């Protein structure tokens, strides 16, 4: 997994269970949560580059926050990745490193000099 935050639902189990199992609308929370994160950035900034999930509702959620279908990856029960750009060949979650350079941009990190104590 790339470096970055791990975002979890703040809801209690009963509320999450009701939303996801009874109502069968897990996308409601995910859309709301992703829109909240999107609103933290200026309008010309796209904070999301890709989305991974295991349900079609995940793809719906990512589309709502402008992640392109080509950058939305749904992992089926067999562990295969499905995406608009992967339709020509199947790949697995563990094999995505074979296409990582052509799929995800290289982010150059800047190492700041260490502070000197006087």
PDB file of N, CA and C in Angstrom:
ATOM      1  N   UNK A   1       0.847  -1.182   0.000  1.00  0.00           N
ATOM      2  CA  UNK A   1       0.000   0.000   0.000  1.00  0.00           C
ATOM      3  C   UNK A   1       0.892   1.245   0.000  1.00  0.00           C
ATOM      4  N   UNK A   2       0.458   2.291  -0.691  1.00  0.00           N
ATOM      5  CA  UNK A   2       1.246   3.521  -0.705  1.00  0.00           C
ATOM      6  C   UNK A   2       1.187   4.215   0.651  1.00  0.00           C
ATOM      7  N   UNK A   3       2.194   5.051   0.920  1.00  0.00           N
ATOM      8  CA  UNK A   3       2.170   5.850   2.135  1.00  0.00           C
ATOM      9  C   UNK A   3       0.963   6.767   2.089  1.00  0.00           C
ATOM     10  N   UNK A   4       0.340   6.959   3.212  1.00  0.00           N
ATOM     11  CA  UNK A   4      -0.794   7.864   3.272  1.00  0.00           C
ATOM     12  C   UNK A   4      -1.734   7.460   4.384  1.00  0.00           C
ATOM     13  N   UNK A   5      -2.774   8.230   4.558  1.00  0.00           N
ATOM     14  CA  UNK A   5      -3.699   7.964   5.659  1.00  0.00           C
ATOM     15  C   UNK A   5      -4.576   6.742   5.397  1.00  0.00           C
ATOM     16  N   UNK A   6      -5.008   6.127   6.461  1.00  0.00           N
ATOM     17  CA  UNK A   6      -5.978   5.039   6.410  1.00  0.00           C
ATOM     18  C   UNK A   6      -7.276   5.622   6.930  1.00  0.00           C
ATOM     19  N   UNK A   7      -8.299   5.662   6.090  1.00  0.00           N
ATOM     20  CA  UNK A   7      -9.567   6.294   6.447  1.00  0.00           C
ATOM     21  C   UNK A   7     -10.596   5.223   6.782  1.00  0.00           C
ATOM     22  N   UNK A   8     -11.159   5.325   7.968  1.00  0.00           N
ATOM     23  CA  UNK A   8     -12.137   4.349   8.442  1.00  0.00           C
ATOM     24  C   UNK A   8     -13.444   5.043   8.775  1.00  0.00           C
ATOM     25  N   UNK A   9     -14.522   4.289   8.804  1.00  0.00           N
ATOM     26  CA  UNK A   9     -15.830   4.819   9.150  1.00  0.00           C
ATOM     27  C   UNK A   9     -15.883   5.156  10.640  1.00  0.00           C
ATOM     28  N   UNK A  10     -16.346   6.360  10.967  1.00  0.00           N
ATOM     29  CA  UNK A  10     -16.491   6.708  12.386  1.00  0.00           C
ATOM     30  C   UNK A  10     -17.786   6.164  13.003  1.00  0.00           C
ATOM     31  N   UNK A  11     -18.624   5.553  12.185  1.00  0.00           N
ATOM     32  CA  UNK A  11     -19.915   5.051  12.676  1.00  0.00           C
ATOM     33  C   UNK A  11     -19.736   3.816  13.546  1.00  0.00           C
ATOM     34  N   UNK A  12     -20.689   3.634  14.435  1.00  0.00           N
ATOM     35  CA  UNK A  12     -20.702   2.418  15.245  1.00  0.00           C
ATOM     36  C   UNK A  12     -21.141   1.248  14.378  1.00  0.00           C
ATOM     37  N   UNK A  13     -20.896   0.051  14.858  1.00  0.00           N
ATOM     38  CA  UNK A  13     -21.160  -1.151  14.073  1.00  0.00           C
ATOM     39  C   UNK A  13     -22.628  -1.279  13.670  1.00  0.00           C
ATOM     40  N   UNK A  14     -23.564  -0.978  14.580  1.00  0.00           N
ATOM     41  CA  UNK A  14     -24.987  -1.129  14.278  1.00  0.00           C
ATOM     42  C   UNK A  14     -25.404  -0.217  13.120  1.00  0.00           C
ATOM     43  N   UNK A  15     -24.923   1.031  13.139  1.00  0.00           N
ATOM     44  CA  UNK A  15     -25.275   1.979  12.080  1.00  0.00           C
ATOM     45  C   UNK A  15     -24.669   1.540  10.741  1.00  0.00           C
ATOM     46  N   UNK A  16     -23.412   1.121  10.778  1.00  0.00           N
ATOM     47  CA  UNK A  16     -22.761   0.640   9.557  1.00  0.00           C
ATOM     48  C   UNK A  16     -23.452  -0.607   9.021  1.00  0.00           C
ATOM     49  N   UNK A  17     -23.813  -1.522   9.911  1.00  0.00           N
ATOM     50  CA  UNK A  17     -24.504  -2.753   9.520  1.00  0.00           C
ATOM     51  C   UNK A  17     -25.842  -2.428   8.854  1.00  0.00           C
ATOM     52  N   UNK A  18     -26.606  -1.503   9.453  1.00  0.00           N
ATOM     53  CA  UNK A  18     -27.902  -1.113   8.893  1.00  0.00           C
ATOM     54  C   UNK A  18     -27.728  -0.540   7.490  1.00  0.00           C
ATOM     55  N   UNK A  19     -26.763   0.365   7.341  1.00  0.00           N
ATOM     56  CA  UNK A  19     -26.541   1.032   6.046  1.00  0.00           C
ATOM     57  C   UNK A  19     -26.078   0.033   4.987  1.00  0.00           C
ATOM     58  N   UNK A  20     -25.160  -0.842   5.352  1.00  0.00           N
ATOM     59  CA  UNK A  20     -24.546  -1.715   4.353  1.00  0.00           C
ATOM     60  C   UNK A  20     -25.306  -3.008   4.112  1.00  0.00           C
ATOM     61  N   UNK A  21     -25.954  -3.564   5.135  1.00  0.00           N
ATOM     62  CA  UNK A  21     -26.610  -4.867   4.986  1.00  0.00           C
ATOM     63  C   UNK A  21     -28.116  -4.730   4.813  1.00  0.00           C
ATOM     64  N   UNK A  22     -28.754  -3.915   5.635  1.00  0.00           N
ATOM     65  CA  UNK A  22     -30.213  -3.765   5.561  1.00  0.00           C
ATOM     66  C   UNK A  22     -30.610  -2.879   4.375  1.00  0.00           C
ATOM     67  N   UNK A  23     -30.061  -1.662   4.323  1.00  0.00           N
ATOM     68  CA  UNK A  23     -30.394  -0.740   3.232  1.00  0.00           C
ATOM     69  C   UNK A  23     -29.667  -1.076   1.941  1.00  0.00           C
ATOM     70  N   UNK A  24     -28.567  -1.813   2.044  1.00  0.00           N
ATOM     71  CA  UNK A  24     -27.728  -2.160   0.900  1.00  0.00           C
ATOM     72  C   UNK A  24     -27.256  -0.927   0.126  1.00  0.00           C
ATOM     73  N   UNK A  25     -26.824   0.085   0.875  1.00  0.00           N
ATOM     74  CA  UNK A  25     -26.335   1.333   0.276  1.00  0.00           C
ATOM     75  C   UNK A  25     -25.011   1.770   0.913  1.00  0.00           C
ATOM     76  N   UNK A  26     -23.972   0.944   0.791  1.00  0.00           N
ATOM     77  CA  UNK A  26     -22.691   1.345   1.374  1.00  0.00           C
ATOM     78  C   UNK A  26     -22.107   2.586   0.702  1.00  0.00           C
ATOM     79  N   UNK A  27     -22.562   2.855  -0.518  1.00  0.00           N
ATOM     80  CA  UNK A  27     -22.050   4.006  -1.241  1.00  0.00           C
ATOM     81  C   UNK A  27     -22.449   5.336  -0.610  1.00  0.00           C
ATOM     82  N   UNK A  28     -23.559   5.364   0.156  1.00  0.00           N
ATOM     83  CA  UNK A  28     -24.008   6.621   0.749  1.00  0.00           C
ATOM     84  C   UNK A  28     -22.939   7.218   1.664  1.00  0.00           C
ATOM     85  N   UNK A  29     -22.401   6.391   2.544  1.00  0.00           N
ATOM     86  CA  UNK A  29     -21.363   6.888   3.438  1.00  0.00           C
ATOM     87  C   UNK A  29     -20.097   7.232   2.663  1.00  0.00           C
ATOM     88  N   UNK A  30     -19.695   6.360   1.765  1.00  0.00           N
ATOM     89  CA  UNK A  30     -18.438   6.573   1.054  1.00  0.00           C
ATOM     90  C   UNK A  30     -18.487   7.857   0.230  1.00  0.00           C
ATOM     91  N   UNK A  31     -19.593   8.108  -0.449  1.00  0.00           N
ATOM     92  CA  UNK A  31     -19.725   9.340  -1.236  1.00  0.00           C
ATOM     93  C   UNK A  31     -19.637  10.557  -0.327  1.00  0.00           C
ATOM     94  N   UNK A  32     -20.367  10.533   0.773  1.00  0.00           N
ATOM     95  CA  UNK A  32     -20.355  11.659   1.713  1.00  0.00           C
ATOM     96  C   UNK A  32     -18.945  11.894   2.257  1.00  0.00           C
ATOM     97  N   UNK A  33     -18.275  10.832   2.611  1.00  0.00           N
ATOM     98  CA  UNK A  33     -16.938  10.927   3.176  1.00  0.00           C
ATOM     99  C   UNK A  33     -15.943  11.457   2.145  1.00  0.00           C
ATOM    100  N   UNK A  34     -15.994  10.940   0.921  1.00  0.00           N
ATOM    101  CA  UNK A  34     -15.077  11.395  -0.121  1.00  0.00           C
ATOM    102  C   UNK A  34     -15.355  12.848  -0.524  1.00  0.00           C
ATOM    103  N   UNK A  35     -16.623  13.236  -0.544  1.00  0.00           N
ATOM    104  CA  UNK A  35     -16.963  14.630  -0.857  1.00  0.00           C
ATOM    105  C   UNK A  35     -16.450  15.571   0.231  1.00  0.00           C
ATOM    106  N   UNK A  36     -16.479  15.120   1.471  1.00  0.00           N
ATOM    107  CA  UNK A  36     -15.945  15.920   2.579  1.00  0.00           C
ATOM    108  C   UNK A  36     -14.441  16.144   2.375  1.00  0.00           C
ATOM    109  N   UNK A  37     -13.719  15.095   2.017  1.00  0.00           N
ATOM    110  CA  UNK A  37     -12.284  15.219   1.779  1.00  0.00           C
ATOM    111  C   UNK A  37     -12.026  16.124   0.569  1.00  0.00           C
ATOM    112  N   UNK A  38     -12.802  15.950  -0.490  1.00  0.00           N
ATOM    113  CA  UNK A  38     -12.661  16.763  -1.697  1.00  0.00           C
ATOM    114  C   UNK A  38     -12.832  18.247  -1.374  1.00  0.00           C
ATOM    115  N   UNK A  39     -13.758  18.572  -0.489  1.00  0.00           N
ATOM    116  CA  UNK A  39     -14.035  19.962  -0.124  1.00  0.00           C
ATOM    117  C   UNK A  39     -12.890  20.611   0.653  1.00  0.00           C
ATOM    118  N   UNK A  40     -11.972  19.824   1.161  1.00  0.00           N
ATOM    119  CA  UNK A  40     -10.834  20.372   1.899  1.00  0.00           C
ATOM    120  C   UNK A  40      -9.784  20.992   0.975  1.00  0.00           C
ATOM    121  N   UNK A  41      -9.888  20.701  -0.317  1.00  0.00           N
ATOM    122  CA  UNK A  41      -8.901  21.153  -1.287  1.00  0.00           C
ATOM    123  C   UNK A  41      -9.474  22.259  -2.159  1.00  0.00           C
ATOM    124  N   UNK A  42      -8.603  23.125  -2.710  1.00  0.00           N
ATOM    125  CA  UNK A  42      -9.085  24.132  -3.660  1.00  0.00           C
ATOM    126  C   UNK A  42      -9.745  23.457  -4.865  1.00  0.00           C
ATOM    127  N   UNK A  43     -10.618  24.184  -5.547  1.00  0.00           N
ATOM    128  CA  UNK A  43     -11.380  23.608  -6.658  1.00  0.00           C
ATOM    129  C   UNK A  43     -10.519  23.066  -7.785  1.00  0.00           C
ATOM    130  N   UNK A  44      -9.353  23.642  -8.007  1.00  0.00           N
ATOM    131  CA  UNK A  44      -8.510  23.195  -9.120  1.00  0.00           C
ATOM    132  C   UNK A  44      -7.606  22.020  -8.746  1.00  0.00           C
ATOM    133  N   UNK A  45      -7.714  21.513  -7.542  1.00  0.00           N
ATOM    134  CA  UNK A  45      -6.892  20.391  -7.078  1.00  0.00           C
ATOM    135  C   UNK A  45      -7.745  19.129  -7.046  1.00  0.00           C
ATOM    136  N   UNK A  46      -7.216  18.043  -7.600  1.00  0.00           N
ATOM    137  CA  UNK A  46      -7.889  16.744  -7.543  1.00  0.00           C
ATOM    138  C   UNK A  46      -7.103  15.852  -6.588  1.00  0.00           C
ATOM    139  N   UNK A  47      -7.572  15.695  -5.359  1.00  0.00           N
ATOM    140  CA  UNK A  47      -6.800  14.945  -4.373  1.00  0.00           C
ATOM    141  C   UNK A  47      -6.806  13.430  -4.577  1.00  0.00           C
ATOM    142  N   UNK A  48      -7.740  12.933  -5.358  1.00  0.00           N
ATOM    143  CA  UNK A  48      -7.840  11.491  -5.579  1.00  0.00           C
ATOM    144  C   UNK A  48      -7.301  11.143  -6.955  1.00  0.00           C
ATOM    145  N   UNK A  49      -6.429  10.141  -6.998  1.00  0.00           N
ATOM    146  CA  UNK A  49      -5.893   9.726  -8.280  1.00  0.00           C
ATOM    147  C   UNK A  49      -6.530   8.428  -8.746  1.00  0.00           C
ATOM    148  N   UNK A  50      -6.782   7.522  -7.820  1.00  0.00           N
ATOM    149  CA  UNK A  50      -7.347   6.217  -8.164  1.00  0.00           C
ATOM    150  C   UNK A  50      -8.185   5.728  -6.987  1.00  0.00           C
ATOM    151  N   UNK A  51      -9.023   4.742  -7.270  1.00  0.00           N
ATOM    152  CA  UNK A  51      -9.838   4.148  -6.216  1.00  0.00           C
ATOM    153  C   UNK A  51      -9.865   2.639  -6.349  1.00  0.00           C
ATOM    154  N   UNK A  52      -9.735   1.963  -5.233  1.00  0.00           N
ATOM    155  CA  UNK A  52      -9.797   0.507  -5.191  1.00  0.00           C
ATOM    156  C   UNK A  52     -10.988   0.099  -4.345  1.00  0.00           C
ATOM    157  N   UNK A  53     -11.690  -0.941  -4.773  1.00  0.00           N
ATOM    158  CA  UNK A  53     -12.819  -1.443  -4.010  1.00  0.00           C
ATOM    159  C   UNK A  53     -13.132  -2.867  -4.410  1.00  0.00           C
ATOM    160  N   UNK A  54     -14.159  -3.406  -3.756  1.00  0.00           N
ATOM    161  CA  UNK A  54     -14.547  -4.778  -4.091  1.00  0.00           C
ATOM    162  C   UNK A  54     -16.012  -4.885  -4.491  1.00  0.00           C
ATOM    163  N   UNK A  55     -16.679  -3.751  -4.669  1.00  0.00           N
ATOM    164  CA  UNK A  55     -18.083  -3.750  -5.055  1.00  0.00           C
ATOM    165  C   UNK A  55     -18.338  -2.698  -6.126  1.00  0.00           C
ATOM    166  N   UNK A  56     -19.420  -2.896  -6.867  1.00  0.00           N
ATOM    167  CA  UNK A  56     -19.810  -1.888  -7.861  1.00  0.00           C
ATOM    168  C   UNK A  56     -20.164  -0.566  -7.195  1.00  0.00           C
ATOM    169  N   UNK A  57     -20.658  -0.623  -5.950  1.00  0.00           N
ATOM    170  CA  UNK A  57     -20.983   0.616  -5.242  1.00  0.00           C
ATOM    171  C   UNK A  57     -19.729   1.457  -5.005  1.00  0.00           C
ATOM    172  N   UNK A  58     -18.571   0.813  -4.905  1.00  0.00           N
ATOM    173  CA  UNK A  58     -17.318   1.559  -4.773  1.00  0.00           C
ATOM    174  C   UNK A  58     -17.055   2.362  -6.044  1.00  0.00           C
ATOM    175  N   UNK A  59     -17.288   1.754  -7.188  1.00  0.00           N
ATOM    176  CA  UNK A  59     -17.098   2.453  -8.463  1.00  0.00           C
ATOM    177  C   UNK A  59     -18.042   3.647  -8.574  1.00  0.00           C
ATOM    178  N   UNK A  60     -19.273   3.490  -8.107  1.00  0.00           N
ATOM    179  CA  UNK A  60     -20.245   4.592  -8.115  1.00  0.00           C
ATOM    180  C   UNK A  60     -19.742   5.731  -7.236  1.00  0.00           C
ATOM    181  N   UNK A  61     -19.231   5.382  -6.072  1.00  0.00           N
ATOM    182  CA  UNK A  61     -18.713   6.388  -5.139  1.00  0.00           C
ATOM    183  C   UNK A  61     -17.547   7.156  -5.739  1.00  0.00           C
ATOM    184  N   UNK A  62     -16.628   6.440  -6.367  1.00  0.00           N
ATOM    185  CA  UNK A  62     -15.452   7.096  -6.935  1.00  0.00           C
ATOM    186  C   UNK A  62     -15.827   7.995  -8.111  1.00  0.00           C
ATOM    187  N   UNK A  63     -16.807   7.586  -8.873  1.00  0.00           N
ATOM    188  CA  UNK A  63     -17.260   8.409 -10.002  1.00  0.00           C
ATOM    189  C   UNK A  63     -17.822   9.739  -9.504  1.00  0.00           C
ATOM    190  N   UNK A  64     -18.508   9.718  -8.365  1.00  0.00           N
ATOM    191  CA  UNK A  64     -19.097  10.939  -7.801  1.00  0.00           C
ATOM    192  C   UNK A  64     -18.055  11.971  -7.414  1.00  0.00           C
ATOM    193  N   UNK A  65     -16.832  11.521  -7.109  1.00  0.00           N
ATOM    194  CA  UNK A  65     -15.775  12.460  -6.739  1.00  0.00           C
ATOM    195  C   UNK A  65     -14.742  12.598  -7.858  1.00  0.00           C
ATOM    196  N   UNK A  66     -15.175  12.283  -9.078  1.00  0.00           N
ATOM    197  CA  UNK A  66     -14.426  12.564 -10.305  1.00  0.00           C
ATOM    198  C   UNK A  66     -13.178  11.706 -10.511  1.00  0.00           C
ATOM    199  N   UNK A  67     -13.151  10.514  -9.938  1.00  0.00           N
ATOM    200  CA  UNK A  67     -12.082   9.577 -10.265  1.00  0.00           C
ATOM    201  C   UNK A  67     -12.527   8.877 -11.542  1.00  0.00           C
ATOM    202  N   UNK A  68     -11.682   8.910 -12.564  1.00  0.00           N
ATOM    203  CA  UNK A  68     -12.088   8.350 -13.849  1.00  0.00           C
ATOM    204  C   UNK A  68     -12.281   6.842 -13.760  1.00  0.00           C
ATOM    205  N   UNK A  69     -13.120   6.323 -14.635  1.00  0.00           N
ATOM    206  CA  UNK A  69     -13.372   4.881 -14.652  1.00  0.00           C
ATOM    207  C   UNK A  69     -12.102   4.102 -14.943  1.00  0.00           C
ATOM    208  N   UNK A  70     -11.200   4.699 -15.675  1.00  0.00           N
ATOM    209  CA  UNK A  70      -9.932   4.048 -15.976  1.00  0.00           C
ATOM    210  C   UNK A  70      -9.008   3.949 -14.779  1.00  0.00           C
ATOM    211  N   UNK A  71      -9.286   4.704 -13.743  1.00  0.00           N
ATOM    212  CA  UNK A  71      -8.478   4.680 -12.527  1.00  0.00           C
ATOM    213  C   UNK A  71      -9.251   4.097 -11.346  1.00  0.00           C
ATOM    214  N   UNK A  72     -10.356   3.445 -11.638  1.00  0.00           N
ATOM    215  CA  UNK A  72     -11.143   2.765 -10.607  1.00  0.00           C
ATOM    216  C   UNK A  72     -10.946   1.274 -10.780  1.00  0.00           C
ATOM    217  N   UNK A  73     -10.513   0.627  -9.728  1.00  0.00           N
ATOM    218  CA  UNK A  73     -10.186  -0.795  -9.773  1.00  0.00           C
ATOM    219  C   UNK A  73     -11.107  -1.554  -8.825  1.00  0.00           C
ATOM    220  N   UNK A  74     -11.823  -2.510  -9.364  1.00  0.00           N
ATOM    221  CA  UNK A  74     -12.694  -3.363  -8.561  1.00  0.00           C
ATOM    222  C   UNK A  74     -12.049  -4.742  -8.510  1.00  0.00           C
ATOM    223  N   UNK A  75     -11.864  -5.237  -7.309  1.00  0.00           N
ATOM    224  CA  UNK A  75     -11.217  -6.528  -7.093  1.00  0.00           C
ATOM    225  C   UNK A  75     -12.310  -7.565  -6.884  1.00  0.00           C
ATOM    226  N   UNK A  76     -12.369  -8.569  -7.762  1.00  0.00           N
ATOM    227  CA  UNK A  76     -13.413  -9.588  -7.650  1.00  0.00           C
ATOM    228  C   UNK A  76     -13.011 -10.650  -6.619  1.00  0.00           C
ATOM    229  N   UNK A  77     -13.929 -11.558  -6.267  1.00  0.00           N
ATOM    230  CA  UNK A  77     -13.619 -12.572  -5.251  1.00  0.00           C
ATOM    231  C   UNK A  77     -12.417 -13.460  -5.587  1.00  0.00           C
ATOM    232  N   UNK A  78     -12.054 -13.554  -6.863  1.00  0.00           N
ATOM    233  CA  UNK A  78     -10.886 -14.347  -7.254  1.00  0.00           C
ATOM    234  C   UNK A  78      -9.579 -13.564  -7.115  1.00  0.00           C
ATOM    235  N   UNK A  79      -9.679 -12.297  -6.704  1.00  0.00           N
ATOM    236  CA  UNK A  79      -8.486 -11.471  -6.552  1.00  0.00           C
ATOM    237  C   UNK A  79      -8.043 -10.809  -7.833  1.00  0.00           C
ATOM    238  N   UNK A  80      -8.881 -10.824  -8.865  1.00  0.00           N
ATOM    239  CA  UNK A  80      -8.542 -10.194 -10.138  1.00  0.00           C
ATOM    240  C   UNK A  80      -8.993  -8.737 -10.128  1.00  0.00           C
ATOM    241  N   UNK A  81      -8.154  -7.882 -10.684  1.00  0.00           N
ATOM    242  CA  UNK A  81      -8.482  -6.469 -10.815  1.00  0.00           C
ATOM    243  C   UNK A  81      -9.255  -6.241 -12.098  1.00  0.00           C
ATOM    244  N   UNK A  82     -10.335  -5.508 -11.993  1.00  0.00           N
ATOM    245  CA  UNK A  82     -11.106  -5.123 -13.168  1.00  0.00           C
ATOM    246  C   UNK A  82     -11.143  -3.605 -13.238  1.00  0.00           C
ATOM    247  N   UNK A  83     -10.884  -3.086 -14.418  1.00  0.00           N
ATOM    248  CA  UNK A  83     -10.888  -1.656 -14.656  1.00  0.00           C
ATOM    249  C   UNK A  83     -11.100  -1.433 -16.136  1.00  0.00           C
ATOM    250  N   UNK A  84     -11.517  -0.228 -16.467  1.00  0.00           N
ATOM    251  CA  UNK A  84     -11.705   0.113 -17.877  1.00  0.00           C
ATOM    252  C   UNK A  84     -10.411  -0.076 -18.659  1.00  0.00           C
ATOM    253  N   UNK A  85      -9.275   0.272 -18.069  1.00  0.00           N
ATOM    254  CA  UNK A  85      -8.003   0.144 -18.800  1.00  0.00           C
ATOM    255  C   UNK A  85      -7.435  -1.266 -18.731  1.00  0.00           C
ATOM    256  N   UNK A  86      -7.958  -2.106 -17.857  1.00  0.00           N
ATOM    257  CA  UNK A  86      -7.443  -3.471 -17.741  1.00  0.00           C
ATOM    258  C   UNK A  86      -8.313  -4.486 -18.466  1.00  0.00           C
ATOM    259  N   UNK A  87      -9.296  -4.031 -19.236  1.00  0.00           N
ATOM    260  CA  UNK A  87     -10.226  -4.952 -19.871  1.00  0.00           C
ATOM    261  C   UNK A  87      -9.545  -5.895 -20.851  1.00  0.00           C
ATOM    262  N   UNK A  88      -8.438  -5.495 -21.415  1.00  0.00           N
ATOM    263  CA  UNK A  88      -7.762  -6.330 -22.396  1.00  0.00           C
ATOM    264  C   UNK A  88      -7.057  -7.530 -21.760  1.00  0.00           C
ATOM    265  N   UNK A  89      -6.610  -7.358 -20.533  1.00  0.00           N
ATOM    266  CA  UNK A  89      -5.962  -8.469 -19.847  1.00  0.00           C
ATOM    267  C   UNK A  89      -6.318  -8.423 -18.363  1.00  0.00           C
ATOM    268  N   UNK A  90      -6.399  -9.597 -17.762  1.00  0.00           N
ATOM    269  CA  UNK A  90      -6.713  -9.661 -16.344  1.00  0.00           C
ATOM    270  C   UNK A  90      -5.406  -9.594 -15.570  1.00  0.00           C
ATOM    271  N   UNK A  91      -5.488  -8.993 -14.428  1.00  0.00           N
ATOM    272  CA  UNK A  91      -4.336  -8.934 -13.547  1.00  0.00           C
ATOM    273  C   UNK A  91      -4.822  -9.115 -12.120  1.00  0.00           C
ATOM    274  N   UNK A  92      -3.920  -9.321 -11.242  1.00  0.00           N
ATOM    275  CA  UNK A  92      -4.281  -9.505  -9.845  1.00  0.00           C
ATOM    276  C   UNK A  92      -3.789  -8.322  -9.029  1.00  0.00           C
ATOM    277  N   UNK A  93      -4.313  -8.233  -7.840  1.00  0.00           N
ATOM    278  CA  UNK A  93      -3.921  -7.155  -6.937  1.00  0.00           C
ATOM    279  C   UNK A  93      -2.425  -7.228  -6.659  1.00  0.00           C
ATOM    280  N   UNK A  94      -1.926  -8.437  -6.499  1.00  0.00           N
ATOM    281  CA  UNK A  94      -0.494  -8.584  -6.210  1.00  0.00           C
ATOM    282  C   UNK A  94       0.379  -8.317  -7.434  1.00  0.00           C
ATOM    283  N   UNK A  95      -0.176  -8.371  -8.635  1.00  0.00           N
ATOM    284  CA  UNK A  95       0.608  -8.150  -9.861  1.00  0.00           C
ATOM    285  C   UNK A  95       0.487  -6.736 -10.409  1.00  0.00           C
ATOM    286  N   UNK A  96      -0.211  -5.859  -9.697  1.00  0.00           N
ATOM    287  CA  UNK A  96      -0.374  -4.491 -10.225  1.00  0.00           C
ATOM    288  C   UNK A  96       0.965  -3.773 -10.310  1.00  0.00           C
ATOM    289  N   UNK A  97       1.965  -4.251  -9.554  1.00  0.00           N
ATOM    290  CA  UNK A  97       3.272  -3.603  -9.638  1.00  0.00           C
ATOM    291  C   UNK A  97       3.883  -3.705 -11.035  1.00  0.00           C
ATOM    292  N   UNK A  98       3.400  -4.639 -11.860  1.00  0.00           N
ATOM    293  CA  UNK A  98       3.897  -4.746 -13.234  1.00  0.00           C
ATOM    294  C   UNK A  98       3.462  -3.567 -14.102  1.00  0.00           C
ATOM    295  N   UNK A  99       2.336  -2.957 -13.748  1.00  0.00           N
ATOM    296  CA  UNK A  99       1.837  -1.827 -14.541  1.00  0.00           C
ATOM    297  C   UNK A  99       1.842  -0.525 -13.753  1.00  0.00           C
ATOM    298  N   UNK A 100       2.437  -0.532 -12.584  1.00  0.00           N
ATOM    299  CA  UNK A 100       2.379   0.640 -11.716  1.00  0.00           C
ATOM    300  C   UNK A 100       3.002   1.872 -12.368  1.00  0.00           C
ATOM    301  N   UNK A 101       4.099   1.717 -13.087  1.00  0.00           N
ATOM    302  CA  UNK A 101       4.750   2.875 -13.696  1.00  0.00           C
ATOM    303  C   UNK A 101       3.921   3.512 -14.803  1.00  0.00           C
ATOM    304  N   UNK A 102       3.147   2.732 -15.530  1.00  0.00           N
ATOM    305  CA  UNK A 102       2.325   3.319 -16.590  1.00  0.00           C
ATOM    306  C   UNK A 102       0.938   3.711 -16.086  1.00  0.00           C
ATOM    307  N   UNK A 103       0.589   3.296 -14.885  1.00  0.00           N
ATOM    308  CA  UNK A 103      -0.730   3.596 -14.346  1.00  0.00           C
ATOM    309  C   UNK A 103      -0.716   4.759 -13.365  1.00  0.00           C
ATOM    310  N   UNK A 104       0.298   4.795 -12.518  1.00  0.00           N
ATOM    311  CA  UNK A 104       0.353   5.816 -11.476  1.00  0.00           C
ATOM    312  C   UNK A 104       1.540   6.739 -11.708  1.00  0.00           C
ATOM    313  N   UNK A 105       1.335   8.030 -11.484  1.00  0.00           N
ATOM    314  CA  UNK A 105       2.425   8.971 -11.725  1.00  0.00           C
ATOM    315  C   UNK A 105       3.498   8.859 -10.646  1.00  0.00           C
ATOM    316  N   UNK A 106       4.706   9.162 -11.041  1.00  0.00           N
ATOM    317  CA  UNK A 106       5.807   9.198 -10.089  1.00  0.00           C
ATOM    318  C   UNK A 106       5.702  10.492  -9.295  1.00  0.00           C
ATOM    319  N   UNK A 107       5.746  10.380  -7.994  1.00  0.00           N
ATOM    320  CA  UNK A 107       5.710  11.557  -7.134  1.00  0.00           C
ATOM    321  C   UNK A 107       7.096  11.767  -6.554  1.00  0.00           C
ATOM    322  N   UNK A 108       7.690  12.873  -6.913  1.00  0.00           N
ATOM    323  CA  UNK A 108       9.024  13.161  -6.409  1.00  0.00           C
ATOM    324  C   UNK A 108       8.884  13.706  -4.996  1.00  0.00           C
ATOM    325  N   UNK A 109       9.639  13.159  -4.104  1.00  0.00           N
ATOM    326  CA  UNK A 109       9.612  13.651  -2.734  1.00  0.00           C
ATOM    327  C   UNK A 109      10.823  14.536  -2.508  1.00  0.00           C
ATOM    328  N   UNK A 110      10.624  15.540  -1.708  1.00  0.00           N
ATOM    329  CA  UNK A 110      11.700  16.459  -1.384  1.00  0.00           C
ATOM    330  C   UNK A 110      12.148  16.155   0.035  1.00  0.00           C
ATOM    331  N   UNK A 111      13.425  15.950   0.185  1.00  0.00           N
ATOM    332  CA  UNK A 111      13.962  15.709   1.513  1.00  0.00           C
ATOM    333  C   UNK A 111      14.490  17.026   2.027  1.00  0.00           C
ATOM    334  N   UNK A 112      13.903  17.473   3.124  1.00  0.00           N
ATOM    335  CA  UNK A 112      14.317  18.724   3.716  1.00  0.00           C
ATOM    336  C   UNK A 112      15.568  18.500   4.543  1.00  0.00           C
ATOM    337  N   UNK A 113      16.447  19.487   4.565  1.00  0.00           N
ATOM    338  CA  UNK A 113      17.653  19.325   5.381  1.00  0.00           C
ATOM    339  C   UNK A 113      17.281  19.267   6.862  1.00  0.00           C
ATOM    340  N   UNK A 114      18.042  18.496   7.611  1.00  0.00           N
ATOM    341  CA  UNK A 114      17.797  18.378   9.041  1.00  0.00           C
ATOM    342  C   UNK A 114      18.122  19.693   9.725  1.00  0.00           C
ATOM    343  N   UNK A 115      17.349  19.991  10.748  1.00  0.00           N
ATOM    344  CA  UNK A 115      17.587  21.220  11.514  1.00  0.00           C
ATOM    345  C   UNK A 115      18.881  21.053  12.312  1.00  0.00           C
ATOM    346  N   UNK A 116      19.595  22.119  12.423  1.00  0.00           N
ATOM    347  CA  UNK A 116      20.825  22.089  13.208  1.00  0.00           C
ATOM    348  C   UNK A 116      20.564  22.752  14.540  1.00  0.00           C
ATOM    349  N   UNK A 117      20.920  22.048  15.602  1.00  0.00           N
ATOM    350  CA  UNK A 117      20.765  22.603  16.944  1.00  0.00           C
ATOM    351  C   UNK A 117      21.987  23.424  17.305  1.00  0.00           C
ATOM    352  N   UNK A 118      21.761  24.582  17.842  1.00  0.00           N
ATOM    353  CA  UNK A 118      22.893  25.446  18.240  1.00  0.00           C
ATOM    354  C   UNK A 118      23.001  25.454  19.748  1.00  0.00           C
TER     355      UNK A 118
END
